[in-house]
Every structure is written in structure tokens, then in C-alpha cells.
Amino acid sequence: MTTDQQTNEPKATHPHDIAPRAGFASAQKAAWVLLIAALTTLVLNPSGLVEWTAALPGNAFSDFSYDVAVQWADWMETLGLTEPFEGIRSWFQTFQAWEWSPIGPSVYFD
């Protein structure tokens, strides 16, 4: 490995010299993205958490988790934080229900 004349730091001459540092930075950024996505989901879509905990196999921990998820969903609904998600969900379901066949392949094959 050679040194960079301006910074007097080792200069990477091989891709393997850079890969470990780049991999850690990428993993750290991915972890932050996942954490932010999880927290956003917990705040804006607590009903998804309730559905997920309801589907867990029955035992004491899953029963406790379900109770906590229901309480959390009630708090978020009381605060009004679920309204944006419900509005987007409603619009998306309306969009899915539209009849698209008049502009589909049948236009070309009649």
C-alpha cells in the first residue's frame, strides 16, 4: 500500500482495502433505515402490528404481545396518528377496484 502525498494516509491500491470500511458503513446505514421504517410503521400502522401479533402461535408471550399491541393501537388512534395511513389505504383500495380492462390489451385485440 502506498501513501497519499496530500493527507499522508495510506492510499488504497486494492478493492479489498476499501471493502471492509464500505461494508460497515453500508450496514450501519441499512440498520438506520430499517429502524426508521419500523418506528414509522409502529406509529402510522399499528393495526398491522395487532394483526401480526394475533397470528402468532398461542402462548403466554404472544398473548401479552397481542394485549400490548392492542393498547398501542388504541393510543395511536386516540392521538389521530393512524388517519394518514387509513386515508392512503382507502385511496389505494379504490384505485385497485377501478376497472382497467377498457384500456388494457382488449383495445388492441378486438
C-alpha atoms as a PDB file:
ATOM      1  CA  MET A   1       0.000   0.000   0.000  1.00  0.00           C
ATOM      2  CA  THR A   2       1.279   3.462  -0.835  1.00  0.00           C
ATOM      3  CA  THR A   3       0.609   6.744   0.966  1.00  0.00           C
ATOM      4  CA  ASP A   4      -1.317   9.714  -0.348  1.00  0.00           C
ATOM      5  CA  GLN A   5       1.034  12.730  -0.594  1.00  0.00           C
ATOM      6  CA  GLN A   6      -1.614  15.315   0.430  1.00  0.00           C
ATOM      7  CA  THR A   7      -3.058  13.618   3.517  1.00  0.00           C
ATOM      8  CA  ASN A   8      -0.174  11.309   4.421  1.00  0.00           C
ATOM      9  CA  GLU A   9      -2.701   8.495   4.937  1.00  0.00           C
ATOM     10  CA  PRO A  10      -2.434   5.064   3.413  1.00  0.00           C
ATOM     11  CA  LYS A  11      -3.811   5.075  -0.101  1.00  0.00           C
ATOM     12  CA  ALA A  12      -5.928   2.085  -1.060  1.00  0.00           C
ATOM     13  CA  THR A  13      -4.476   0.323  -4.057  1.00  0.00           C
ATOM     14  CA  HIS A  14      -6.680  -2.754  -3.985  1.00  0.00           C
ATOM     15  CA  PRO A  15     -10.510  -3.041  -3.712  1.00  0.00           C
ATOM     16  CA  HIS A  16     -10.134  -5.327  -0.683  1.00  0.00           C
ATOM     17  CA  ASP A  17      -8.507  -2.446   1.213  1.00  0.00           C
ATOM     18  CA  ILE A  18     -11.708  -0.386   0.923  1.00  0.00           C
ATOM     19  CA  ALA A  19     -14.367  -3.113   1.186  1.00  0.00           C
ATOM     20  CA  PRO A  20     -14.413  -3.673   4.976  1.00  0.00           C
ATOM     21  CA  ARG A  21     -14.931   0.030   5.731  1.00  0.00           C
ATOM     22  CA  ALA A  22     -17.536   0.456   2.994  1.00  0.00           C
ATOM     23  CA  GLY A  23     -19.390  -2.662   4.112  1.00  0.00           C
ATOM     24  CA  PHE A  24     -19.644  -1.443   7.702  1.00  0.00           C
ATOM     25  CA  ALA A  25     -20.901   1.967   6.626  1.00  0.00           C
ATOM     26  CA  SER A  26     -23.490   0.392   4.348  1.00  0.00           C
ATOM     27  CA  ALA A  27     -24.652  -1.979   7.083  1.00  0.00           C
ATOM     28  CA  GLN A  28     -24.902   0.899   9.537  1.00  0.00           C
ATOM     29  CA  LYS A  29     -26.974   2.976   7.097  1.00  0.00           C
ATOM     30  CA  ALA A  30     -29.213  -0.016   6.376  1.00  0.00           C
ATOM     31  CA  ALA A  31     -29.760  -0.535  10.097  1.00  0.00           C
ATOM     32  CA  TRP A  32     -30.828   3.113  10.496  1.00  0.00           C
ATOM     33  CA  VAL A  33     -33.197   2.845   7.536  1.00  0.00           C
ATOM     34  CA  LEU A  34     -34.766  -0.313   8.982  1.00  0.00           C
ATOM     35  CA  LEU A  35     -35.126   1.279  12.409  1.00  0.00           C
ATOM     36  CA  ILE A  36     -36.812   4.383  10.983  1.00  0.00           C
ATOM     37  CA  ALA A  37     -39.118   2.242   8.826  1.00  0.00           C
ATOM     38  CA  ALA A  38     -40.078   0.080  11.809  1.00  0.00           C
ATOM     39  CA  LEU A  39     -40.812   3.095  14.017  1.00  0.00           C
ATOM     40  CA  THR A  40     -42.832   4.759  11.259  1.00  0.00           C
ATOM     41  CA  THR A  41     -44.843   1.575  10.814  1.00  0.00           C
ATOM     42  CA  LEU A  42     -45.452   1.291  14.554  1.00  0.00           C
ATOM     43  CA  VAL A  43     -46.763   4.848  14.687  1.00  0.00           C
ATOM     44  CA  LEU A  44     -48.737   5.061  11.442  1.00  0.00           C
ATOM     45  CA  ASN A  45     -49.949   1.452  11.074  1.00  0.00           C
ATOM     46  CA  PRO A  46     -50.466  -0.100  14.498  1.00  0.00           C
ATOM     47  CA  SER A  47     -53.296  -2.247  13.123  1.00  0.00           C
ATOM     48  CA  GLY A  48     -50.659  -4.188  11.186  1.00  0.00           C
ATOM     49  CA  LEU A  49     -48.893  -4.915  14.474  1.00  0.00           C
ATOM     50  CA  VAL A  50     -52.164  -6.095  16.002  1.00  0.00           C
ATOM     51  CA  GLU A  51     -52.817  -8.404  13.029  1.00  0.00           C
ATOM     52  CA  TRP A  52     -49.288  -9.786  13.205  1.00  0.00           C
ATOM     53  CA  THR A  53     -49.422 -10.487  16.947  1.00  0.00           C
ATOM     54  CA  ALA A  54     -52.868 -12.081  16.556  1.00  0.00           C
ATOM     55  CA  ALA A  55     -51.380 -14.526  14.035  1.00  0.00           C
ATOM     56  CA  LEU A  56     -48.612 -15.664  16.401  1.00  0.00           C
ATOM     57  CA  PRO A  57     -48.894 -19.162  17.901  1.00  0.00           C
ATOM     58  CA  GLY A  58     -50.790 -19.105  21.164  1.00  0.00           C
ATOM     59  CA  ASN A  59     -48.701 -18.909  24.331  1.00  0.00           C
ATOM     60  CA  ALA A  60     -48.264 -16.536  27.259  1.00  0.00           C
ATOM     61  CA  PHE A  61     -45.787 -14.274  25.440  1.00  0.00           C
ATOM     62  CA  SER A  62     -47.903 -13.930  22.290  1.00  0.00           C
ATOM     63  CA  ASP A  63     -50.994 -13.217  24.390  1.00  0.00           C
ATOM     64  CA  PHE A  64     -49.090 -10.489  26.236  1.00  0.00           C
ATOM     65  CA  SER A  65     -47.739  -9.147  22.920  1.00  0.00           C
ATOM     66  CA  TYR A  66     -51.249  -9.014  21.495  1.00  0.00           C
ATOM     67  CA  ASP A  67     -52.544  -7.107  24.526  1.00  0.00           C
ATOM     68  CA  VAL A  68     -49.693  -4.584  24.263  1.00  0.00           C
ATOM     69  CA  ALA A  69     -50.266  -4.199  20.506  1.00  0.00           C
ATOM     70  CA  VAL A  70     -53.986  -3.549  21.019  1.00  0.00           C
ATOM     71  CA  GLN A  71     -53.219  -0.951  23.697  1.00  0.00           C
ATOM     72  CA  TRP A  72     -50.635   0.687  21.405  1.00  0.00           C
ATOM     73  CA  ALA A  73     -53.113   0.769  18.509  1.00  0.00           C
ATOM     74  CA  ASP A  74     -55.714   2.381  20.758  1.00  0.00           C
ATOM     75  CA  TRP A  75     -53.230   5.070  21.835  1.00  0.00           C
ATOM     76  CA  MET A  76     -52.210   5.832  18.263  1.00  0.00           C
ATOM     77  CA  GLU A  77     -55.837   6.009  17.149  1.00  0.00           C
ATOM     78  CA  THR A  78     -56.695   8.292  20.069  1.00  0.00           C
ATOM     79  CA  LEU A  79     -53.871  10.623  19.061  1.00  0.00           C
ATOM     80  CA  GLY A  80     -55.091  10.566  15.441  1.00  0.00           C
ATOM     81  CA  LEU A  81     -51.816   9.269  14.046  1.00  0.00           C
ATOM     82  CA  THR A  82     -53.464   6.447  12.087  1.00  0.00           C
ATOM     83  CA  GLU A  83     -55.586   8.760   9.929  1.00  0.00           C
ATOM     84  CA  PRO A  84     -52.966   9.441   7.204  1.00  0.00           C
ATOM     85  CA  PHE A  85     -52.324   5.725   6.763  1.00  0.00           C
ATOM     86  CA  GLU A  86     -56.030   4.909   6.647  1.00  0.00           C
ATOM     87  CA  GLY A  87     -56.579   7.647   4.047  1.00  0.00           C
ATOM     88  CA  ILE A  88     -53.807   6.287   1.847  1.00  0.00           C
ATOM     89  CA  ARG A  89     -55.089   2.728   2.305  1.00  0.00           C
ATOM     90  CA  SER A  90     -58.611   3.805   1.329  1.00  0.00           C
ATOM     91  CA  TRP A  91     -57.358   5.580  -1.797  1.00  0.00           C
ATOM     92  CA  PHE A  92     -55.222   2.594  -2.782  1.00  0.00           C
ATOM     93  CA  GLN A  93     -58.148   0.168  -2.360  1.00  0.00           C
ATOM     94  CA  THR A  94     -60.307   2.452  -4.522  1.00  0.00           C
ATOM     95  CA  PHE A  95     -57.526   2.546  -7.119  1.00  0.00           C
ATOM     96  CA  GLN A  96     -57.337  -1.278  -7.121  1.00  0.00           C
ATOM     97  CA  ALA A  97     -61.091  -1.560  -7.601  1.00  0.00           C
ATOM     98  CA  TRP A  98     -61.139   0.548 -10.779  1.00  0.00           C
ATOM     99  CA  GLU A  99     -61.966  -1.328 -13.951  1.00  0.00           C
ATOM    100  CA  TRP A 100     -58.932  -1.126 -16.208  1.00  0.00           C
ATOM    101  CA  SER A 101     -59.998  -3.541 -18.949  1.00  0.00           C
ATOM    102  CA  PRO A 102     -61.149  -0.846 -21.480  1.00  0.00           C
ATOM    103  CA  ILE A 103     -57.588   0.428 -21.744  1.00  0.00           C
ATOM    104  CA  GLY A 104     -55.952  -2.990 -21.482  1.00  0.00           C
ATOM    105  CA  PRO A 105     -54.917  -5.485 -24.170  1.00  0.00           C
ATOM    106  CA  SER A 106     -58.519  -5.892 -25.409  1.00  0.00           C
ATOM    107  CA  VAL A 107     -58.198  -2.500 -27.166  1.00  0.00           C
ATOM    108  CA  TYR A 108     -55.565  -3.974 -29.455  1.00  0.00           C
ATOM    109  CA  PHE A 109     -57.050  -7.430 -29.970  1.00  0.00           C
ATOM    110  CA  ASP A 110     -60.756  -6.741 -30.709  1.00  0.00           C
END
